[in-house]
Amino acid sequence: MAEEIKLMKGNEAIAHAAIRYGADGYFGYPITPQSEILETLMAEMPWETTGMVVLQAESEVAAINMVYGGAGTGKRVLTSSSSPGVSLKQEGVSYIAGAELPCLIVNVMRGGPGLGTIQPSQADYFQTVKGGGHGDYRLITLAPSSVQEMADFVGLGFDLAFKYCNPAIILADGIIGQMMEKVVMPPFRPRKTEAEIIAECPWAAQGKLKNRKANVITSLELDPAKMEENNLRFQAKYRKIEENEVRYEEFHCDDAEYLLVAFGSSARICQKVVEIARAEGIKLGLLRPITLWPFPKKAIADYAEKVKGMLSVELNAGQMVEDIRLAVNGKVKVEHFGRLGGIVFTPDEVLNALKELIIEN
């Protein structure tokens, strides 16, 4: 079968991929720069083709609790928002993680704090990988750097969420959400039948069946001994995810003497930085974390034995740089370079920062 290729925005790719994956429901609320996800879903009217529910909730809080309910029945459900909207969802995200339910969340980041700006940012790294809600929980975090990956990570995110009974999030930024590229469209997958959901998700709330007790979905446990058991089970699951699901990409790292570490749109810019640096005789490489959690700390630790220094390049005040420093454990110098408030750095700015902070220092 010939590939189906279309030109579209990153946000539009999310919407089309959700329909094609066989998602059962989307619950969201408009906010720039991700509103095209909801708009595209409404325009495509999947309720008339696949039966997918698309609903604009009255608020972000309502949307995440609708996801909580849908996920509890074993359905493939997702939501999307942008930074301040995702902040509003954090209580629900913690509940979903505590109830060990699979779902997909999309955050197309904008500048903050507060209402901030509608321009792109990567300042929600801490919120996402350190737990924006309360309690000891983790989100499987995928960071796309192309419109193609926006489409591909919908299916991957759902698959990982259901594999581990854990929420997954696509952490994109406004650049990737708004930019247009050619996309190889994912194949259509039928929605799961009720029988398939019951067979694949024995934990799901599907009513009182003859051959089992009724399932109860909750994150509440008043017995501290049992709650500790729950938390220990969560931590064991997170260790398994860290062992099996780390993803990253390397660019000209084989002979690198210096290393850039960047994700999302920053990584795209850093590819050009590597090319310019190598033309000047600087052996520079790029490591792009694809999973921000689990973080590729072993790969970074291995490079700490080979390179003279690392520069974390982020559209924020310095967040991922802390995880890089933890991975490096003092073996080489690690510095940060970023821009704030929706300003995007140029390749020349990044290369100059590398020279000033790492090479000449």
Protein backbone atom coordinates (compact mmCIF):
# COMPACT_ATOMS: atom_id res chain seq x y z
CA MET A 1 0.00 0.00 0.00
CA ALA A 2 1.38 3.42 -1.00
CA GLU A 3 2.31 5.86 1.75
CA GLU A 4 -0.16 8.65 2.40
CA ILE A 5 1.77 11.92 2.70
CA LYS A 6 0.21 15.23 3.70
CA LEU A 7 1.42 18.75 4.54
CA MET A 8 0.17 19.88 7.94
CA LYS A 9 0.93 21.60 11.23
CA GLY A 10 2.20 19.66 14.23
CA ASN A 11 -1.06 20.26 16.06
CA GLU A 12 -3.05 18.97 13.10
CA ALA A 13 -0.85 15.88 12.98
CA ILE A 14 -1.77 15.09 16.60
CA ALA A 15 -5.47 15.22 15.76
CA HIS A 16 -5.23 13.07 12.62
CA ALA A 17 -3.01 10.53 14.38
CA ALA A 18 -5.48 10.21 17.27
CA ILE A 19 -8.32 9.39 14.87
CA ARG A 20 -6.18 6.93 12.93
CA TYR A 21 -4.93 5.24 16.10
CA GLY A 22 -8.48 4.37 17.03
CA ALA A 23 -8.79 6.71 19.99
CA ASP A 24 -12.13 6.54 21.76
CA GLY A 25 -12.34 10.08 23.05
CA TYR A 26 -10.74 13.51 23.21
CA PHE A 27 -11.61 16.01 25.94
CA GLY A 28 -10.02 19.44 25.79
CA TYR A 29 -10.28 23.18 25.97
CA PRO A 30 -8.88 25.74 23.51
CA ILE A 31 -5.69 27.62 24.32
CA THR A 32 -2.98 29.03 22.06
CA PRO A 33 -0.72 27.56 20.66
CA GLN A 34 -2.47 24.16 20.63
CA SER A 35 -6.04 25.05 19.68
CA GLU A 36 -5.70 23.48 16.22
CA ILE A 37 -5.81 20.03 17.83
CA LEU A 38 -9.39 20.56 18.98
CA GLU A 39 -10.30 22.54 15.85
CA THR A 40 -9.01 19.80 13.53
CA LEU A 41 -10.84 17.09 15.45
CA MET A 42 -14.08 19.06 15.22
CA ALA A 43 -13.56 19.64 11.49
CA GLU A 44 -12.85 15.95 10.83
CA MET A 45 -16.00 14.87 12.76
CA PRO A 46 -14.69 11.40 13.69
CA TRP A 47 -17.88 10.62 15.60
CA GLU A 48 -19.43 10.03 12.18
CA THR A 49 -16.67 7.67 10.98
CA THR A 50 -14.94 5.87 13.85
CA GLY A 51 -17.35 6.79 16.64
CA MET A 52 -14.68 8.77 18.49
CA VAL A 53 -16.05 11.27 21.00
CA VAL A 54 -14.73 14.84 20.68
CA LEU A 55 -15.83 17.21 23.41
CA GLN A 56 -14.88 20.75 24.33
CA ALA A 57 -15.14 20.77 28.10
CA GLU A 58 -16.10 23.79 30.17
CA SER A 59 -12.56 24.01 31.56
CA GLU A 60 -9.21 22.25 31.69
CA VAL A 61 -10.15 20.82 35.09
CA ALA A 62 -13.28 19.28 33.63
CA ALA A 63 -11.35 17.92 30.64
CA ILE A 64 -8.76 16.02 32.70
CA ASN A 65 -11.46 14.53 34.91
CA MET A 66 -13.31 13.34 31.81
CA VAL A 67 -10.05 11.68 30.76
CA TYR A 68 -9.85 10.11 34.25
CA GLY A 69 -13.32 8.65 33.80
CA GLY A 70 -12.71 7.41 30.26
CA ALA A 71 -9.35 5.88 31.16
CA GLY A 72 -10.98 4.07 34.07
CA THR A 73 -13.16 2.13 31.61
CA GLY A 74 -10.17 1.05 29.52
CA LYS A 75 -10.89 3.45 26.68
CA ARG A 76 -8.13 5.17 24.65
CA VAL A 77 -8.64 8.79 25.68
CA LEU A 78 -6.52 11.91 25.41
CA THR A 79 -6.45 15.59 26.19
CA SER A 80 -4.30 18.51 25.08
CA SER A 81 -3.51 21.99 26.31
CA SER A 82 -0.70 24.50 26.67
CA SER A 83 1.31 25.45 29.73
CA PRO A 84 -1.16 27.34 32.00
CA GLY A 85 -3.92 24.96 30.97
CA VAL A 86 -1.76 21.96 31.82
CA SER A 87 -1.10 23.52 35.23
CA LEU A 88 -4.84 23.46 35.86
CA LYS A 89 -4.92 19.74 35.04
CA GLN A 90 -2.26 18.71 37.56
CA GLU A 91 -4.58 17.44 40.30
CA GLY A 92 -6.29 15.14 37.79
CA VAL A 93 -2.96 13.98 36.39
CA SER A 94 -1.86 12.94 39.88
CA TYR A 95 -5.16 11.08 40.41
CA ILE A 96 -4.75 9.24 37.10
CA ALA A 97 -1.17 8.27 37.96
CA GLY A 98 -2.24 7.19 41.45
CA ALA A 99 -5.04 5.05 40.02
CA GLU A 100 -2.57 3.53 37.52
CA LEU A 101 -4.59 4.41 34.45
CA PRO A 102 -3.35 4.78 30.86
CA CYS A 103 -4.06 7.97 28.94
CA LEU A 104 -2.33 10.45 26.66
CA ILE A 105 -1.74 14.12 27.47
CA VAL A 106 -0.36 16.69 25.02
CA ASN A 107 1.32 19.91 26.14
CA VAL A 108 2.30 22.37 23.41
CA MET A 109 4.38 24.66 25.61
CA ARG A 110 4.22 28.46 25.68
CA GLY A 111 6.17 30.98 27.73
CA GLY A 112 5.48 31.64 31.39
CA PRO A 113 5.25 31.86 34.30
CA GLY A 114 1.62 32.86 34.76
CA LEU A 115 -0.27 33.69 31.59
CA GLY A 116 3.10 34.59 30.09
CA THR A 117 3.10 34.71 26.31
CA ILE A 118 1.68 32.69 23.43
CA GLN A 119 5.19 32.37 21.99
CA PRO A 120 7.09 29.04 22.23
CA SER A 121 8.96 27.85 25.29
CA GLN A 122 10.39 24.72 26.91
CA ALA A 123 9.89 25.89 30.48
CA ASP A 124 7.50 23.07 31.51
CA TYR A 125 10.30 20.50 31.73
CA PHE A 126 10.39 20.54 35.54
CA GLN A 127 6.60 20.36 35.79
CA THR A 128 6.48 17.36 33.49
CA VAL A 129 9.41 15.16 34.48
CA LYS A 130 9.53 16.01 38.19
CA GLY A 131 5.78 15.67 38.78
CA GLY A 132 3.62 18.77 38.44
CA GLY A 133 0.99 17.34 40.77
CA HIS A 134 1.42 15.93 44.27
CA GLY A 135 2.95 12.61 45.28
CA ASP A 136 5.72 10.36 43.98
CA TYR A 137 4.65 9.67 40.40
CA ARG A 138 6.15 9.80 36.92
CA LEU A 139 4.85 10.57 33.45
CA ILE A 140 6.26 8.78 30.41
CA THR A 141 7.43 11.86 28.51
CA LEU A 142 8.00 12.00 24.75
CA ALA A 143 9.60 15.12 23.22
CA PRO A 144 9.00 15.42 19.45
CA SER A 145 11.31 17.52 17.27
CA SER A 146 9.34 17.27 14.02
CA VAL A 147 5.76 17.22 12.78
CA GLN A 148 6.31 13.57 11.81
CA GLU A 149 7.12 12.73 15.41
CA MET A 150 4.01 14.60 16.59
CA ALA A 151 2.02 12.07 14.55
CA ASP A 152 4.15 9.05 15.45
CA PHE A 153 4.22 9.74 19.18
CA VAL A 154 0.44 9.56 19.51
CA GLY A 155 0.50 5.84 18.81
CA LEU A 156 3.73 5.33 20.77
CA GLY A 157 2.37 7.29 23.73
CA PHE A 158 -0.83 5.26 23.88
CA ASP A 159 1.07 1.98 23.48
CA LEU A 160 3.45 2.82 26.34
CA ALA A 161 0.61 4.10 28.52
CA PHE A 162 -1.30 0.83 28.17
CA LYS A 163 1.85 -1.30 28.45
CA TYR A 164 2.61 0.15 31.88
CA CYS A 165 -0.83 1.38 33.02
CA ASN A 166 0.58 4.87 33.37
CA PRO A 167 -0.21 8.26 31.84
CA ALA A 168 2.04 9.36 28.99
CA ILE A 169 2.60 12.90 27.77
CA ILE A 170 3.80 14.42 24.51
CA LEU A 171 5.81 17.47 25.57
CA ALA A 172 6.03 19.64 22.46
CA ASP A 173 6.65 23.37 22.12
CA GLY A 174 4.85 26.07 20.18
CA ILE A 175 7.31 25.86 17.30
CA ILE A 176 6.67 22.17 16.63
CA GLY A 177 2.93 22.65 17.15
CA GLN A 178 2.64 25.50 14.63
CA MET A 179 5.24 24.59 11.99
CA MET A 180 4.21 22.77 8.81
CA GLU A 181 6.00 19.76 7.34
CA LYS A 182 5.25 16.73 5.23
CA VAL A 183 3.92 13.83 7.28
CA VAL A 184 3.68 10.16 6.42
CA MET A 185 0.26 9.45 7.89
CA PRO A 186 -0.02 6.49 10.27
CA PRO A 187 -2.25 3.60 9.24
CA PHE A 188 -5.85 3.38 10.42
CA ARG A 189 -6.47 1.12 13.41
CA PRO A 190 -10.01 0.19 14.45
CA ARG A 191 -11.23 1.20 17.88
CA LYS A 192 -11.19 -1.57 20.46
CA THR A 193 -14.46 -3.41 20.95
CA GLU A 194 -15.94 -3.78 24.44
CA ALA A 195 -14.97 -7.47 24.40
CA GLU A 196 -11.39 -6.60 23.49
CA ILE A 197 -11.20 -3.98 26.26
CA ILE A 198 -12.51 -6.47 28.85
CA ALA A 199 -9.95 -9.05 27.70
CA GLU A 200 -7.00 -6.65 27.54
CA CYS A 201 -7.84 -4.48 30.56
CA PRO A 202 -9.05 -6.75 33.39
CA TRP A 203 -8.72 -3.80 35.77
CA ALA A 204 -11.17 -1.59 33.84
CA ALA A 205 -14.54 -0.54 35.24
CA GLN A 206 -16.87 -2.28 32.80
CA GLY A 207 -19.81 -3.00 35.06
CA LYS A 208 -20.40 -6.12 37.14
CA LEU A 209 -19.45 -9.10 35.00
CA LYS A 210 -20.53 -12.66 35.84
CA ASN A 211 -17.02 -14.02 36.19
CA ARG A 212 -15.44 -11.35 38.36
CA LYS A 213 -16.04 -8.82 41.09
CA ALA A 214 -16.81 -5.23 40.15
CA ASN A 215 -13.65 -3.18 39.60
CA VAL A 216 -13.23 0.00 41.63
CA ILE A 217 -11.03 2.80 40.25
CA THR A 218 -9.50 5.01 42.93
CA SER A 219 -6.21 6.49 44.08
CA LEU A 220 -7.40 6.58 47.71
CA GLU A 221 -6.03 4.21 50.37
CA LEU A 222 -6.47 5.17 54.01
CA ASP A 223 -4.40 2.28 55.41
CA PRO A 224 -0.80 3.62 55.45
CA ALA A 225 0.71 0.14 55.17
CA LYS A 226 -1.29 -0.58 52.02
CA MET A 227 -0.53 2.90 50.66
CA GLU A 228 3.16 2.23 51.12
CA GLU A 229 2.71 -1.06 49.23
CA ASN A 230 1.04 0.89 46.41
CA ASN A 231 3.90 3.38 46.27
CA LEU A 232 6.52 0.63 46.29
CA ARG A 233 4.68 -1.01 43.39
CA PHE A 234 4.68 2.31 41.53
CA GLN A 235 8.42 2.73 42.06
CA ALA A 236 9.11 -0.81 40.83
CA LYS A 237 7.12 -0.03 37.69
CA TYR A 238 9.03 3.20 37.15
CA ARG A 239 12.35 1.35 37.44
CA LYS A 240 11.14 -1.10 34.79
CA ILE A 241 10.25 1.80 32.49
CA GLU A 242 13.70 3.30 33.05
CA GLU A 243 15.30 -0.03 32.16
CA ASN A 244 13.31 -0.60 28.96
CA GLU A 245 12.01 2.63 27.44
CA VAL A 246 14.87 5.16 27.22
CA ARG A 247 15.00 6.73 23.75
CA TYR A 248 17.49 9.24 22.35
CA GLU A 249 19.12 10.29 19.08
CA GLU A 250 22.81 11.00 18.40
CA PHE A 251 24.15 13.39 15.76
CA HIS A 252 27.88 13.40 14.93
CA CYS A 253 28.78 12.02 18.35
CA ASP A 254 31.32 9.36 17.34
CA ASP A 255 34.37 11.64 17.46
CA ALA A 256 32.87 14.54 19.42
CA GLU A 257 35.07 16.49 21.83
CA TYR A 258 32.16 18.66 22.95
CA LEU A 259 28.48 17.75 23.27
CA LEU A 260 25.24 19.68 22.96
CA VAL A 261 22.17 18.23 24.70
CA ALA A 262 18.83 19.56 23.48
CA PHE A 263 15.24 18.40 22.89
CA GLY A 264 12.34 19.44 20.69
CA SER A 265 12.80 22.51 18.48
CA SER A 266 16.07 23.35 20.25
CA ALA A 267 17.55 20.10 18.94
CA ARG A 268 16.66 21.09 15.37
CA ILE A 269 18.56 24.36 15.80
CA CYS A 270 21.47 22.51 17.40
CA GLN A 271 21.89 20.26 14.37
CA LYS A 272 22.81 23.38 12.41
CA VAL A 273 25.13 24.45 15.23
CA VAL A 274 26.98 21.13 14.92
CA GLU A 275 27.41 21.63 11.16
CA ILE A 276 28.73 25.18 11.58
CA ALA A 277 31.09 24.16 14.39
CA ARG A 278 32.53 21.26 12.41
CA ALA A 279 33.13 23.58 9.45
CA GLU A 280 35.28 25.63 11.86
CA GLY A 281 37.18 22.54 13.00
CA ILE A 282 35.34 22.08 16.31
CA LYS A 283 34.39 18.43 16.89
CA LEU A 284 30.89 18.96 18.20
CA GLY A 285 28.10 16.41 18.63
CA LEU A 286 24.44 16.50 19.64
CA LEU A 287 22.51 14.14 21.88
CA ARG A 288 18.74 14.60 21.65
CA PRO A 289 16.69 13.00 24.43
CA ILE A 290 13.47 11.66 22.90
CA THR A 291 12.19 10.45 26.26
CA LEU A 292 12.65 13.23 28.80
CA TRP A 293 11.48 10.65 31.32
CA PRO A 294 12.92 8.13 31.41
CA PHE A 295 15.96 10.34 30.86
CA PRO A 296 18.99 8.97 28.93
CA LYS A 297 21.28 9.42 31.91
CA LYS A 298 23.47 6.39 31.16
CA ALA A 299 24.18 7.58 27.61
CA ILE A 300 25.09 11.03 28.93
CA ALA A 301 27.24 9.50 31.67
CA ASP A 302 29.09 7.48 29.04
CA TYR A 303 29.82 10.63 27.01
CA ALA A 304 31.17 12.28 30.16
CA GLU A 305 34.10 9.85 29.83
CA LYS A 306 34.78 10.98 26.24
CA VAL A 307 34.07 14.71 25.83
CA LYS A 308 35.62 17.85 27.34
CA GLY A 309 32.36 19.60 28.14
CA MET A 310 28.59 19.69 27.57
CA LEU A 311 26.14 22.51 26.87
CA SER A 312 22.44 22.10 27.63
CA VAL A 313 20.49 24.16 25.11
CA GLU A 314 16.91 24.90 26.20
CA LEU A 315 14.24 27.56 25.71
CA ASN A 316 14.12 28.20 29.45
CA ALA A 317 16.25 29.45 32.34
CA GLY A 318 17.97 26.07 32.84
CA GLN A 319 15.99 22.96 33.72
CA MET A 320 17.18 19.86 31.84
CA VAL A 321 20.72 20.98 32.65
CA GLU A 322 20.16 19.76 36.23
CA ASP A 323 19.48 16.21 35.04
CA ILE A 324 22.54 16.34 32.80
CA ARG A 325 24.69 17.40 35.76
CA LEU A 326 23.28 14.56 37.85
CA ALA A 327 24.11 12.08 35.08
CA VAL A 328 27.62 13.49 34.58
CA ASN A 329 28.27 13.55 38.34
CA GLY A 330 31.01 16.15 38.11
CA LYS A 331 33.17 14.36 35.54
CA VAL A 332 33.03 17.17 32.95
CA LYS A 333 31.88 20.75 32.85
CA VAL A 334 28.18 21.25 32.08
CA GLU A 335 26.68 24.67 31.33
CA HIS A 336 23.31 25.97 30.13
CA PHE A 337 22.33 28.36 27.35
CA GLY A 338 18.77 29.49 26.68
CA ARG A 339 16.44 32.31 25.74
CA LEU A 340 13.30 33.31 27.62
CA GLY A 341 9.93 34.93 27.06
CA GLY A 342 9.26 33.34 23.68
CA ILE A 343 12.56 34.43 22.08
CA VAL A 344 14.22 31.66 20.05
CA PHE A 345 18.02 31.50 19.83
CA THR A 346 19.93 31.37 16.56
CA PRO A 347 22.62 28.80 15.69
CA ASP A 348 25.29 31.51 15.94
CA GLU A 349 24.13 32.43 19.47
CA VAL A 350 24.38 28.80 20.57
CA LEU A 351 27.85 28.37 19.04
CA ASN A 352 29.09 31.57 20.67
CA ALA A 353 27.75 30.36 24.02
CA LEU A 354 29.55 27.04 23.57
CA LYS A 355 32.83 28.85 22.92
CA GLU A 356 32.43 31.28 25.82
CA LEU A 357 31.06 28.87 28.44
CA ILE A 358 32.82 25.60 27.58
CA ILE A 359 35.67 25.78 25.06
CA GLU A 360 37.39 29.00 26.17
CA ASN A 361 36.62 28.68 29.86
